[in-house]
Amino acid sequence: MRTRMAELFNDESCIRWWLPNDEGFTPLLQNIRAIADERNAMALSTQRESLQQIQQNFARMQVGEEHTKGDDGAQTSAETKPSVS
């Protein structure tokens, strides 16, 4: 939201606080902002890690049947074992 305000007003200082010269931006509000920014950064980091884990899991998965050659040279499905006589 702060980024959109900065774009709307064409003023990058809105990203930090929307009043000029940090008017009304008390130390308490600054601490709350710091905590919220840290929490949001951690959430993004966690989301990135989760996404990487999901991507790794999907990369290990294979879609469809895997085909291998049996002892007699005929192709068989990996799920269907060739009969042994």
Protein backbone atom coordinates (compact mmCIF):
# COMPACT_ATOMS: atom_id res chain seq x y z
CA MET A 1 0.00 0.00 0.00
CA ARG A 2 2.83 2.40 0.82
CA THR A 3 4.42 1.68 -2.53
CA ARG A 4 1.18 2.50 -4.34
CA MET A 5 0.83 5.74 -2.40
CA ALA A 6 4.38 6.68 -3.39
CA GLU A 7 3.54 5.98 -7.03
CA LEU A 8 0.28 7.94 -6.79
CA PHE A 9 1.92 11.00 -5.22
CA ASN A 10 5.11 10.53 -7.23
CA ASP A 11 7.06 10.77 -3.97
CA GLU A 12 9.26 7.91 -2.76
CA SER A 13 9.29 9.27 0.80
CA CYS A 14 5.72 7.94 1.17
CA ILE A 15 7.14 4.44 1.35
CA ARG A 16 8.54 5.22 4.80
CA TRP A 17 5.76 7.52 6.11
CA TRP A 18 3.04 9.50 4.38
CA LEU A 19 3.42 12.79 6.28
CA PRO A 20 6.30 15.18 5.52
CA ASN A 21 9.30 15.23 7.85
CA ASP A 22 8.06 12.05 9.58
CA GLU A 23 5.40 14.15 11.34
CA GLY A 24 3.45 11.92 13.71
CA PHE A 25 5.81 8.99 13.15
CA THR A 26 6.46 8.40 16.84
CA PRO A 27 9.10 6.00 18.16
CA LEU A 28 6.29 3.59 19.08
CA LEU A 29 4.99 3.58 15.50
CA GLN A 30 8.55 3.19 14.20
CA ASN A 31 9.03 0.10 16.40
CA ILE A 32 5.71 -1.35 15.28
CA ARG A 33 6.69 -0.75 11.65
CA ALA A 34 10.06 -2.44 12.21
CA ILE A 35 8.41 -5.49 13.80
CA ALA A 36 5.83 -5.73 11.00
CA ASP A 37 8.49 -5.38 8.30
CA GLU A 38 10.61 -8.08 9.96
CA ARG A 39 7.61 -10.41 10.26
CA ASN A 40 6.69 -9.85 6.62
CA ALA A 41 10.26 -10.52 5.51
CA MET A 42 10.28 -13.79 7.49
CA ALA A 43 6.96 -14.81 5.94
CA LEU A 44 8.32 -14.21 2.44
CA SER A 45 11.44 -16.20 3.29
CA THR A 46 9.32 -19.08 4.59
CA GLN A 47 7.15 -18.99 1.47
CA ARG A 48 10.24 -19.11 -0.75
CA GLU A 49 11.63 -22.09 1.18
CA SER A 50 8.29 -23.91 0.95
CA LEU A 51 8.06 -23.21 -2.76
CA GLN A 52 11.58 -24.55 -3.29
CA GLN A 53 10.71 -27.72 -1.38
CA ILE A 54 7.57 -28.21 -3.45
CA GLN A 55 9.51 -27.65 -6.68
CA GLN A 56 12.11 -30.22 -5.58
CA ASN A 57 9.39 -32.74 -4.78
CA PHE A 58 7.76 -32.26 -8.18
CA ALA A 59 11.14 -32.51 -9.91
CA ARG A 60 11.65 -35.95 -8.33
CA MET A 61 8.24 -37.15 -9.45
CA GLN A 62 7.79 -38.75 -12.83
CA VAL A 63 4.55 -38.65 -14.75
CA GLY A 64 3.46 -41.72 -16.67
CA GLU A 65 4.81 -45.22 -16.67
CA GLU A 66 8.49 -45.95 -16.74
CA HIS A 67 9.46 -48.49 -19.38
CA THR A 68 12.35 -50.93 -19.03
CA LYS A 69 13.58 -53.78 -21.18
CA GLY A 70 13.03 -57.26 -19.84
CA ASP A 71 15.45 -60.18 -20.13
CA ASP A 72 13.87 -61.25 -23.42
CA GLY A 73 14.42 -57.78 -24.96
CA ALA A 74 10.73 -56.87 -24.97
CA GLN A 75 9.72 -53.63 -23.36
CA THR A 76 7.74 -54.03 -20.18
CA SER A 77 6.22 -51.55 -17.82
CA ALA A 78 8.11 -51.00 -14.57
CA GLU A 79 4.85 -51.65 -12.75
CA THR A 80 4.31 -55.00 -14.55
CA LYS A 81 7.08 -57.47 -13.86
CA PRO A 82 7.93 -59.97 -16.59
CA SER A 83 6.93 -63.53 -15.81
CA VAL A 84 9.77 -65.85 -14.88
CA SER A 85 9.52 -69.44 -16.22
